[in-house]
């Protein structure tokens, strides 16, 4: 049995479907009244989770967290971003601590924002934490997940890049403008974006779940990060739409998006060395091919 949090999200839903297609029993944690035998109730912000909900699981995949890009970052929403990740992880590990027989592994979400703005510098899992709100958030999030190591569990933190999906997510928010021919580089366009297809994200997560040698941070990105300008050109080409020649100035992004604009202008040239060294075979390593596959 695998327990999954955040199963109502884009990636959580895709992971649960793949697990069940493989014949795996999946139990999801939900914050409403359960609607069937494969759901269990929890209130992560209040620290409420019956340890029996996790009893018998061989692994836990923790993906719960408020969406980063759903709204402007007010101070209240920043607190929600932190609490929905840090508090939920603390609640989960607290329930695991109460079990006499614990799952073998806790796989917990994180992000490449952990590294901060790395410019054009190539980084892998050995790089340290960067600066900024999201880097600090990822650091605290991962720290709570690593507490499961004190319980004798293998833990892995999925430092995920930009996930390409035709069903929504960050790419889904870009598509309306690009389909009108209004896509444009952001800022200088020289910042690197580390991406991964939804198919590879699910496949890599299952790979981490099943491989006992994989622990600690694992970058879930393709081996081929691209600049924002290249991403813009490629998406426009795949959609058979032109893109605007002039970039969107950083100050204009700041006026429209507030503090979140910094995340779009930050560079993450991240490589998935742990995945590659452990033998994971990517379905999509080329951005053009990946975009055509998901769209």
C-alpha atoms as a PDB file:
ATOM      1  CA  UNK A   1       0.000   0.000   0.000  1.00  0.00           C
ATOM      2  CA  UNK A   2       1.181   3.516  -0.857  1.00  0.00           C
ATOM      3  CA  UNK A   3      -0.188   6.574   0.959  1.00  0.00           C
ATOM      4  CA  UNK A   4      -0.315   9.818  -1.065  1.00  0.00           C
ATOM      5  CA  UNK A   5      -1.002  13.362   0.106  1.00  0.00           C
ATOM      6  CA  UNK A   6      -1.875  16.105  -2.368  1.00  0.00           C
ATOM      7  CA  UNK A   7      -3.653  13.587  -4.605  1.00  0.00           C
ATOM      8  CA  UNK A   8      -6.179  16.186  -5.787  1.00  0.00           C
ATOM      9  CA  UNK A   9      -3.405  18.180  -7.456  1.00  0.00           C
ATOM     10  CA  UNK A  10      -2.179  17.825 -11.023  1.00  0.00           C
ATOM     11  CA  UNK A  11       0.872  15.720 -10.185  1.00  0.00           C
ATOM     12  CA  UNK A  12      -0.690  13.841  -7.301  1.00  0.00           C
ATOM     13  CA  UNK A  13      -3.602  12.769  -9.465  1.00  0.00           C
ATOM     14  CA  UNK A  14      -1.285  11.607 -12.248  1.00  0.00           C
ATOM     15  CA  UNK A  15       0.836   9.633  -9.780  1.00  0.00           C
ATOM     16  CA  UNK A  16      -2.177   7.943  -8.169  1.00  0.00           C
ATOM     17  CA  UNK A  17      -3.511   6.897 -11.579  1.00  0.00           C
ATOM     18  CA  UNK A  18      -0.172   5.386 -12.561  1.00  0.00           C
ATOM     19  CA  UNK A  19       0.159   3.535  -9.261  1.00  0.00           C
ATOM     20  CA  UNK A  20      -3.332   2.064  -9.560  1.00  0.00           C
ATOM     21  CA  UNK A  21      -2.735   1.129 -13.200  1.00  0.00           C
ATOM     22  CA  UNK A  22       0.201  -0.917 -11.916  1.00  0.00           C
ATOM     23  CA  UNK A  23      -2.075  -2.728  -9.470  1.00  0.00           C
ATOM     24  CA  UNK A  24      -0.892  -0.876  -6.381  1.00  0.00           C
ATOM     25  CA  UNK A  25      -3.305  -0.190  -3.530  1.00  0.00           C
ATOM     26  CA  UNK A  26      -3.322   3.569  -2.928  1.00  0.00           C
ATOM     27  CA  UNK A  27      -4.725   5.423   0.055  1.00  0.00           C
ATOM     28  CA  UNK A  28      -5.057   9.210  -0.201  1.00  0.00           C
ATOM     29  CA  UNK A  29      -5.234  11.677   2.681  1.00  0.00           C
ATOM     30  CA  UNK A  30      -8.043  14.217   2.263  1.00  0.00           C
ATOM     31  CA  UNK A  31      -9.203  17.286   4.205  1.00  0.00           C
ATOM     32  CA  UNK A  32     -12.919  16.523   3.832  1.00  0.00           C
ATOM     33  CA  UNK A  33     -15.130  13.611   4.775  1.00  0.00           C
ATOM     34  CA  UNK A  34     -13.749  10.446   3.104  1.00  0.00           C
ATOM     35  CA  UNK A  35     -15.850   9.192   0.195  1.00  0.00           C
ATOM     36  CA  UNK A  36     -14.587   5.646   0.089  1.00  0.00           C
ATOM     37  CA  UNK A  37     -12.335   3.041   1.702  1.00  0.00           C
ATOM     38  CA  UNK A  38      -9.231   4.400  -0.066  1.00  0.00           C
ATOM     39  CA  UNK A  39      -9.441   7.825   1.586  1.00  0.00           C
ATOM     40  CA  UNK A  40      -8.410   8.889   5.082  1.00  0.00           C
ATOM     41  CA  UNK A  41      -9.155  12.191   6.812  1.00  0.00           C
ATOM     42  CA  UNK A  42      -6.513  14.594   8.085  1.00  0.00           C
ATOM     43  CA  UNK A  43      -6.224  18.254   9.085  1.00  0.00           C
ATOM     44  CA  UNK A  44      -2.556  18.994   8.501  1.00  0.00           C
ATOM     45  CA  UNK A  45      -2.628  22.615   9.673  1.00  0.00           C
ATOM     46  CA  UNK A  46      -4.081  21.510  13.025  1.00  0.00           C
ATOM     47  CA  UNK A  47      -1.775  18.509  13.410  1.00  0.00           C
ATOM     48  CA  UNK A  48      -4.641  16.018  13.066  1.00  0.00           C
ATOM     49  CA  UNK A  49      -3.821  12.639  11.517  1.00  0.00           C
ATOM     50  CA  UNK A  50      -4.709   9.268  12.996  1.00  0.00           C
ATOM     51  CA  UNK A  51      -1.564   7.116  12.729  1.00  0.00           C
ATOM     52  CA  UNK A  52      -3.795   4.192  11.763  1.00  0.00           C
ATOM     53  CA  UNK A  53      -4.345   5.919   8.415  1.00  0.00           C
ATOM     54  CA  UNK A  54      -0.721   5.053   7.618  1.00  0.00           C
ATOM     55  CA  UNK A  55      -0.693   1.579   9.121  1.00  0.00           C
ATOM     56  CA  UNK A  56       0.362  -1.100   6.653  1.00  0.00           C
ATOM     57  CA  UNK A  57       1.843   1.294   4.112  1.00  0.00           C
ATOM     58  CA  UNK A  58       5.164   0.398   2.539  1.00  0.00           C
ATOM     59  CA  UNK A  59       5.709   3.960   1.330  1.00  0.00           C
ATOM     60  CA  UNK A  60       4.374   7.505   1.671  1.00  0.00           C
ATOM     61  CA  UNK A  61       4.494  10.173  -1.055  1.00  0.00           C
ATOM     62  CA  UNK A  62       3.897  13.635   0.370  1.00  0.00           C
ATOM     63  CA  UNK A  63       2.880  16.236  -2.235  1.00  0.00           C
ATOM     64  CA  UNK A  64       0.512  18.485  -0.280  1.00  0.00           C
ATOM     65  CA  UNK A  65       1.042  22.249  -0.520  1.00  0.00           C
ATOM     66  CA  UNK A  66      -0.764  25.409  -1.631  1.00  0.00           C
ATOM     67  CA  UNK A  67      -0.012  26.356  -5.272  1.00  0.00           C
ATOM     68  CA  UNK A  68       2.988  28.676  -5.609  1.00  0.00           C
ATOM     69  CA  UNK A  69       1.671  30.612  -8.613  1.00  0.00           C
ATOM     70  CA  UNK A  70      -2.065  30.641  -7.933  1.00  0.00           C
ATOM     71  CA  UNK A  71      -2.270  34.204  -6.617  1.00  0.00           C
ATOM     72  CA  UNK A  72      -0.260  37.289  -5.744  1.00  0.00           C
ATOM     73  CA  UNK A  73       2.004  36.801  -2.751  1.00  0.00           C
ATOM     74  CA  UNK A  74       0.486  38.786   0.065  1.00  0.00           C
ATOM     75  CA  UNK A  75       2.055  38.250   3.475  1.00  0.00           C
ATOM     76  CA  UNK A  76      -0.972  36.111   4.378  1.00  0.00           C
ATOM     77  CA  UNK A  77      -0.556  33.918   1.298  1.00  0.00           C
ATOM     78  CA  UNK A  78       3.163  33.527   1.944  1.00  0.00           C
ATOM     79  CA  UNK A  79       2.267  32.212   5.393  1.00  0.00           C
ATOM     80  CA  UNK A  80      -0.145  29.792   3.742  1.00  0.00           C
ATOM     81  CA  UNK A  81       2.562  28.618   1.326  1.00  0.00           C
ATOM     82  CA  UNK A  82       4.853  27.897   4.257  1.00  0.00           C
ATOM     83  CA  UNK A  83       2.259  26.374   6.556  1.00  0.00           C
ATOM     84  CA  UNK A  84       0.738  24.092   3.923  1.00  0.00           C
ATOM     85  CA  UNK A  85       4.174  22.541   3.419  1.00  0.00           C
ATOM     86  CA  UNK A  86       6.025  22.772   6.708  1.00  0.00           C
ATOM     87  CA  UNK A  87       3.077  22.123   9.042  1.00  0.00           C
ATOM     88  CA  UNK A  88       1.679  19.299   6.909  1.00  0.00           C
ATOM     89  CA  UNK A  89       5.062  17.570   6.814  1.00  0.00           C
ATOM     90  CA  UNK A  90       5.420  17.923  10.573  1.00  0.00           C
ATOM     91  CA  UNK A  91       1.943  16.434  11.053  1.00  0.00           C
ATOM     92  CA  UNK A  92       2.751  13.520   8.764  1.00  0.00           C
ATOM     93  CA  UNK A  93       6.064  12.708  10.444  1.00  0.00           C
ATOM     94  CA  UNK A  94       4.407  13.017  13.851  1.00  0.00           C
ATOM     95  CA  UNK A  95       1.865  10.355  12.891  1.00  0.00           C
ATOM     96  CA  UNK A  96       4.603   8.126  11.487  1.00  0.00           C
ATOM     97  CA  UNK A  97       6.405   8.414  14.815  1.00  0.00           C
ATOM     98  CA  UNK A  98       3.408   6.843  16.574  1.00  0.00           C
ATOM     99  CA  UNK A  99       3.407   3.707  14.421  1.00  0.00           C
ATOM    100  CA  UNK A 100       5.016   0.565  15.840  1.00  0.00           C
ATOM    101  CA  UNK A 101       5.819  -0.564  12.286  1.00  0.00           C
ATOM    102  CA  UNK A 102       6.642   2.255   9.896  1.00  0.00           C
ATOM    103  CA  UNK A 103       6.724   2.463   6.088  1.00  0.00           C
ATOM    104  CA  UNK A 104      10.071   1.907   4.421  1.00  0.00           C
ATOM    105  CA  UNK A 105      10.255   5.281   2.721  1.00  0.00           C
ATOM    106  CA  UNK A 106       8.939   8.846   2.787  1.00  0.00           C
ATOM    107  CA  UNK A 107       9.188  10.630  -0.568  1.00  0.00           C
ATOM    108  CA  UNK A 108       8.446  14.321  -0.062  1.00  0.00           C
ATOM    109  CA  UNK A 109       8.053  17.148  -2.563  1.00  0.00           C
ATOM    110  CA  UNK A 110      10.390  20.110  -2.813  1.00  0.00           C
ATOM    111  CA  UNK A 111      11.583  22.357  -5.642  1.00  0.00           C
ATOM    112  CA  UNK A 112      14.627  23.532  -7.559  1.00  0.00           C
ATOM    113  CA  UNK A 113      13.978  26.898  -5.915  1.00  0.00           C
ATOM    114  CA  UNK A 114      16.014  25.400  -3.060  1.00  0.00           C
ATOM    115  CA  UNK A 115      19.146  26.464  -4.959  1.00  0.00           C
ATOM    116  CA  UNK A 116      18.087  30.095  -5.319  1.00  0.00           C
ATOM    117  CA  UNK A 117      19.076  32.051  -8.419  1.00  0.00           C
ATOM    118  CA  UNK A 118      22.072  30.160  -9.834  1.00  0.00           C
ATOM    119  CA  UNK A 119      22.373  32.205 -13.033  1.00  0.00           C
ATOM    120  CA  UNK A 120      24.057  30.136 -15.738  1.00  0.00           C
ATOM    121  CA  UNK A 121      25.980  28.041 -13.206  1.00  0.00           C
ATOM    122  CA  UNK A 122      25.271  24.300 -13.456  1.00  0.00           C
ATOM    123  CA  UNK A 123      24.204  22.742 -10.142  1.00  0.00           C
ATOM    124  CA  UNK A 124      23.294  19.253  -8.977  1.00  0.00           C
ATOM    125  CA  UNK A 125      22.164  17.718  -5.695  1.00  0.00           C
ATOM    126  CA  UNK A 126      25.480  18.574  -4.032  1.00  0.00           C
ATOM    127  CA  UNK A 127      24.874  22.332  -4.203  1.00  0.00           C
ATOM    128  CA  UNK A 128      23.892  24.230  -1.088  1.00  0.00           C
ATOM    129  CA  UNK A 129      20.772  26.244  -0.354  1.00  0.00           C
ATOM    130  CA  UNK A 130      20.396  29.586  -2.050  1.00  0.00           C
ATOM    131  CA  UNK A 131      18.790  32.789  -0.835  1.00  0.00           C
ATOM    132  CA  UNK A 132      15.262  34.079  -1.007  1.00  0.00           C
ATOM    133  CA  UNK A 133      11.775  33.243   0.188  1.00  0.00           C
ATOM    134  CA  UNK A 134      11.348  30.070  -1.889  1.00  0.00           C
ATOM    135  CA  UNK A 135      14.839  28.785  -1.070  1.00  0.00           C
ATOM    136  CA  UNK A 136      14.138  29.229   2.633  1.00  0.00           C
ATOM    137  CA  UNK A 137      10.727  27.597   2.240  1.00  0.00           C
ATOM    138  CA  UNK A 138      12.239  24.560   0.515  1.00  0.00           C
ATOM    139  CA  UNK A 139      14.920  24.330   3.195  1.00  0.00           C
ATOM    140  CA  UNK A 140      12.370  24.253   6.012  1.00  0.00           C
ATOM    141  CA  UNK A 141      10.132  21.848   4.079  1.00  0.00           C
ATOM    142  CA  UNK A 142      12.970  19.401   3.488  1.00  0.00           C
ATOM    143  CA  UNK A 143      14.137  19.720   7.074  1.00  0.00           C
ATOM    144  CA  UNK A 144      10.769  18.549   8.386  1.00  0.00           C
ATOM    145  CA  UNK A 145      10.784  15.593   5.965  1.00  0.00           C
ATOM    146  CA  UNK A 146      14.283  14.548   7.047  1.00  0.00           C
ATOM    147  CA  UNK A 147      12.959  14.077  10.580  1.00  0.00           C
ATOM    148  CA  UNK A 148      11.631  10.736   9.332  1.00  0.00           C
ATOM    149  CA  UNK A 149      15.248   9.569   9.101  1.00  0.00           C
ATOM    150  CA  UNK A 150      15.358   9.559  12.907  1.00  0.00           C
ATOM    151  CA  UNK A 151      12.587   6.940  12.735  1.00  0.00           C
ATOM    152  CA  UNK A 152      14.734   4.637  10.620  1.00  0.00           C
ATOM    153  CA  UNK A 153      12.973   5.502   7.364  1.00  0.00           C
ATOM    154  CA  UNK A 154      14.603   6.251   4.050  1.00  0.00           C
ATOM    155  CA  UNK A 155      13.657   9.758   2.985  1.00  0.00           C
ATOM    156  CA  UNK A 156      13.944  11.459  -0.400  1.00  0.00           C
ATOM    157  CA  UNK A 157      13.137  15.052  -1.315  1.00  0.00           C
ATOM    158  CA  UNK A 158      11.957  15.666  -4.882  1.00  0.00           C
ATOM    159  CA  UNK A 159      13.448  18.961  -6.067  1.00  0.00           C
ATOM    160  CA  UNK A 160      11.107  19.468  -8.992  1.00  0.00           C
ATOM    161  CA  UNK A 161      11.549  21.898 -11.865  1.00  0.00           C
ATOM    162  CA  UNK A 162       8.926  23.303 -14.229  1.00  0.00           C
ATOM    163  CA  UNK A 163       6.575  20.404 -14.996  1.00  0.00           C
ATOM    164  CA  UNK A 164       5.229  20.321 -18.555  1.00  0.00           C
ATOM    165  CA  UNK A 165       1.644  19.105 -18.642  1.00  0.00           C
ATOM    166  CA  UNK A 166      -1.179  19.581 -21.096  1.00  0.00           C
ATOM    167  CA  UNK A 167      -3.648  19.418 -18.207  1.00  0.00           C
ATOM    168  CA  UNK A 168      -2.699  22.572 -16.339  1.00  0.00           C
ATOM    169  CA  UNK A 169       0.071  23.732 -14.052  1.00  0.00           C
ATOM    170  CA  UNK A 170       2.555  26.440 -15.023  1.00  0.00           C
ATOM    171  CA  UNK A 171       2.471  25.525 -18.712  1.00  0.00           C
ATOM    172  CA  UNK A 172      -1.314  25.659 -18.697  1.00  0.00           C
ATOM    173  CA  UNK A 173      -1.195  29.232 -17.420  1.00  0.00           C
ATOM    174  CA  UNK A 174       1.167  30.215 -20.250  1.00  0.00           C
ATOM    175  CA  UNK A 175      -0.783  28.657 -23.097  1.00  0.00           C
ATOM    176  CA  UNK A 176      -3.596  31.231 -23.585  1.00  0.00           C
ATOM    177  CA  UNK A 177      -1.116  34.039 -24.287  1.00  0.00           C
ATOM    178  CA  UNK A 178       1.078  31.872 -26.495  1.00  0.00           C
ATOM    179  CA  UNK A 179      -1.931  30.654 -28.487  1.00  0.00           C
ATOM    180  CA  UNK A 180      -2.737  34.292 -29.232  1.00  0.00           C
ATOM    181  CA  UNK A 181       0.815  34.884 -30.424  1.00  0.00           C
ATOM    182  CA  UNK A 182       1.581  37.021 -27.365  1.00  0.00           C
ATOM    183  CA  UNK A 183       4.275  34.880 -25.777  1.00  0.00           C
ATOM    184  CA  UNK A 184       7.507  36.734 -24.976  1.00  0.00           C
ATOM    185  CA  UNK A 185      10.717  36.224 -23.018  1.00  0.00           C
ATOM    186  CA  UNK A 186      10.615  37.363 -19.406  1.00  0.00           C
ATOM    187  CA  UNK A 187      13.188  39.911 -18.293  1.00  0.00           C
ATOM    188  CA  UNK A 188      16.473  39.300 -20.103  1.00  0.00           C
ATOM    189  CA  UNK A 189      15.325  35.817 -21.173  1.00  0.00           C
ATOM    190  CA  UNK A 190      18.783  34.531 -20.242  1.00  0.00           C
ATOM    191  CA  UNK A 191      17.648  32.868 -17.009  1.00  0.00           C
ATOM    192  CA  UNK A 192      17.677  29.078 -17.188  1.00  0.00           C
ATOM    193  CA  UNK A 193      14.496  27.077 -16.680  1.00  0.00           C
ATOM    194  CA  UNK A 194      14.875  23.470 -15.594  1.00  0.00           C
ATOM    195  CA  UNK A 195      11.882  21.515 -16.868  1.00  0.00           C
ATOM    196  CA  UNK A 196      10.537  17.960 -16.836  1.00  0.00           C
ATOM    197  CA  UNK A 197       7.605  16.371 -18.659  1.00  0.00           C
ATOM    198  CA  UNK A 198       4.685  15.157 -16.558  1.00  0.00           C
ATOM    199  CA  UNK A 199       5.336  11.623 -17.800  1.00  0.00           C
ATOM    200  CA  UNK A 200       8.933  11.761 -16.612  1.00  0.00           C
ATOM    201  CA  UNK A 201       7.956  13.369 -13.314  1.00  0.00           C
ATOM    202  CA  UNK A 202       5.651  10.449 -12.547  1.00  0.00           C
ATOM    203  CA  UNK A 203       8.171   7.901 -13.803  1.00  0.00           C
ATOM    204  CA  UNK A 204      11.007   9.463 -11.811  1.00  0.00           C
ATOM    205  CA  UNK A 205       8.901   9.621  -8.633  1.00  0.00           C
ATOM    206  CA  UNK A 206       8.098   5.918  -8.947  1.00  0.00           C
ATOM    207  CA  UNK A 207      11.794   5.260  -9.595  1.00  0.00           C
ATOM    208  CA  UNK A 208      12.733   7.073  -6.379  1.00  0.00           C
ATOM    209  CA  UNK A 209      10.005   5.247  -4.474  1.00  0.00           C
ATOM    210  CA  UNK A 210      11.316   1.834  -5.563  1.00  0.00           C
ATOM    211  CA  UNK A 211      15.093   2.347  -5.481  1.00  0.00           C
ATOM    212  CA  UNK A 212      16.477   1.874  -1.942  1.00  0.00           C
ATOM    213  CA  UNK A 213      19.789   3.531  -2.833  1.00  0.00           C
ATOM    214  CA  UNK A 214      18.081   6.870  -3.549  1.00  0.00           C
ATOM    215  CA  UNK A 215      17.807   9.123  -0.522  1.00  0.00           C
ATOM    216  CA  UNK A 216      18.190  12.782   0.289  1.00  0.00           C
ATOM    217  CA  UNK A 217      17.589  15.409  -2.398  1.00  0.00           C
ATOM    218  CA  UNK A 218      16.845  14.149  -5.919  1.00  0.00           C
ATOM    219  CA  UNK A 219      16.493  16.632  -8.767  1.00  0.00           C
ATOM    220  CA  UNK A 220      13.412  15.952 -10.891  1.00  0.00           C
ATOM    221  CA  UNK A 221      14.439  17.848 -14.011  1.00  0.00           C
ATOM    222  CA  UNK A 222      15.358  16.835 -17.535  1.00  0.00           C
ATOM    223  CA  UNK A 223      19.083  16.700 -18.386  1.00  0.00           C
ATOM    224  CA  UNK A 224      18.541  19.633 -20.801  1.00  0.00           C
ATOM    225  CA  UNK A 225      17.665  22.921 -19.075  1.00  0.00           C
ATOM    226  CA  UNK A 226      17.065  25.834 -21.454  1.00  0.00           C
ATOM    227  CA  UNK A 227      16.993  29.594 -21.183  1.00  0.00           C
ATOM    228  CA  UNK A 228      13.659  31.331 -20.885  1.00  0.00           C
ATOM    229  CA  UNK A 229      14.209  32.825 -24.355  1.00  0.00           C
ATOM    230  CA  UNK A 230      14.743  29.351 -25.844  1.00  0.00           C
ATOM    231  CA  UNK A 231      11.692  28.028 -24.006  1.00  0.00           C
ATOM    232  CA  UNK A 232       9.639  30.894 -25.449  1.00  0.00           C
ATOM    233  CA  UNK A 233      10.828  30.274 -29.010  1.00  0.00           C
ATOM    234  CA  UNK A 234      10.265  26.522 -28.765  1.00  0.00           C
ATOM    235  CA  UNK A 235       6.755  26.784 -27.327  1.00  0.00           C
ATOM    236  CA  UNK A 236       5.804  29.289 -30.015  1.00  0.00           C
ATOM    237  CA  UNK A 237       7.141  26.961 -32.711  1.00  0.00           C
ATOM    238  CA  UNK A 238       5.307  23.926 -31.339  1.00  0.00           C
ATOM    239  CA  UNK A 239       2.042  25.894 -31.239  1.00  0.00           C
ATOM    240  CA  UNK A 240       2.761  27.312 -34.722  1.00  0.00           C
ATOM    241  CA  UNK A 241       2.420  30.802 -33.345  1.00  0.00           C
ATOM    242  CA  UNK A 242       4.809  33.686 -33.445  1.00  0.00           C
ATOM    243  CA  UNK A 243       6.205  35.242 -30.297  1.00  0.00           C
ATOM    244  CA  UNK A 244       6.763  38.877 -29.494  1.00  0.00           C
ATOM    245  CA  UNK A 245      10.284  40.155 -30.265  1.00  0.00           C
ATOM    246  CA  UNK A 246      10.456  42.385 -27.217  1.00  0.00           C
ATOM    247  CA  UNK A 247      10.794  40.805 -23.757  1.00  0.00           C
ATOM    248  CA  UNK A 248       8.513  41.617 -20.861  1.00  0.00           C
ATOM    249  CA  UNK A 249      10.581  43.940 -18.640  1.00  0.00           C
ATOM    250  CA  UNK A 250      11.294  42.755 -15.129  1.00  0.00           C
ATOM    251  CA  UNK A 251       9.725  45.875 -13.587  1.00  0.00           C
ATOM    252  CA  UNK A 252       6.480  45.200 -15.500  1.00  0.00           C
ATOM    253  CA  UNK A 253       6.386  41.640 -14.165  1.00  0.00           C
ATOM    254  CA  UNK A 254       6.913  43.040 -10.689  1.00  0.00           C
ATOM    255  CA  UNK A 255       4.015  45.452 -11.080  1.00  0.00           C
ATOM    256  CA  UNK A 256       1.711  42.689 -12.251  1.00  0.00           C
ATOM    257  CA  UNK A 257       2.839  39.768 -10.111  1.00  0.00           C
ATOM    258  CA  UNK A 258       4.540  41.328  -7.116  1.00  0.00           C
ATOM    259  CA  UNK A 259       7.200  39.299  -5.339  1.00  0.00           C
ATOM    260  CA  UNK A 260       6.401  36.170  -7.364  1.00  0.00           C
ATOM    261  CA  UNK A 261       8.012  37.861 -10.378  1.00  0.00           C
ATOM    262  CA  UNK A 262      11.406  37.186  -8.793  1.00  0.00           C
ATOM    263  CA  UNK A 263      10.813  33.460  -9.135  1.00  0.00           C
ATOM    264  CA  UNK A 264      10.162  33.830 -12.871  1.00  0.00           C
ATOM    265  CA  UNK A 265      13.305  35.905 -13.351  1.00  0.00           C
ATOM    266  CA  UNK A 266      15.549  33.597 -11.310  1.00  0.00           C
ATOM    267  CA  UNK A 267      17.726  31.070 -13.129  1.00  0.00           C
ATOM    268  CA  UNK A 268      17.944  27.365 -12.263  1.00  0.00           C
ATOM    269  CA  UNK A 269      20.369  25.374 -14.425  1.00  0.00           C
ATOM    270  CA  UNK A 270      19.832  22.127 -12.549  1.00  0.00           C
ATOM    271  CA  UNK A 271      20.921  18.643 -13.622  1.00  0.00           C
ATOM    272  CA  UNK A 272      19.412  15.319 -12.418  1.00  0.00           C
ATOM    273  CA  UNK A 273      22.651  13.499 -11.617  1.00  0.00           C
ATOM    274  CA  UNK A 274      21.154  11.162  -9.008  1.00  0.00           C
ATOM    275  CA  UNK A 275      18.410   9.999 -11.369  1.00  0.00           C
ATOM    276  CA  UNK A 276      20.853   9.418 -14.201  1.00  0.00           C
ATOM    277  CA  UNK A 277      23.419   7.664 -12.003  1.00  0.00           C
ATOM    278  CA  UNK A 278      20.713   5.325 -10.659  1.00  0.00           C
ATOM    279  CA  UNK A 279      19.704   4.270 -14.178  1.00  0.00           C
ATOM    280  CA  UNK A 280      16.502   6.228 -14.745  1.00  0.00           C
ATOM    281  CA  UNK A 281      15.751   6.473 -18.467  1.00  0.00           C
ATOM    282  CA  UNK A 282      14.078   9.737 -19.448  1.00  0.00           C
ATOM    283  CA  UNK A 283      11.214   9.600 -21.933  1.00  0.00           C
ATOM    284  CA  UNK A 284      11.818  13.247 -22.894  1.00  0.00           C
ATOM    285  CA  UNK A 285      15.204  14.962 -22.906  1.00  0.00           C
ATOM    286  CA  UNK A 286      14.493  17.466 -25.698  1.00  0.00           C
ATOM    287  CA  UNK A 287      12.152  20.395 -25.018  1.00  0.00           C
ATOM    288  CA  UNK A 288      10.573  20.399 -28.484  1.00  0.00           C
ATOM    289  CA  UNK A 289       9.760  16.685 -28.239  1.00  0.00           C
ATOM    290  CA  UNK A 290       8.460  17.036 -24.694  1.00  0.00           C
ATOM    291  CA  UNK A 291       6.144  19.928 -25.556  1.00  0.00           C
ATOM    292  CA  UNK A 292       4.756  18.080 -28.570  1.00  0.00           C
ATOM    293  CA  UNK A 293       4.122  15.041 -26.396  1.00  0.00           C
ATOM    294  CA  UNK A 294       2.217  16.899 -23.690  1.00  0.00           C
ATOM    295  CA  UNK A 295       0.308  19.211 -26.046  1.00  0.00           C
END
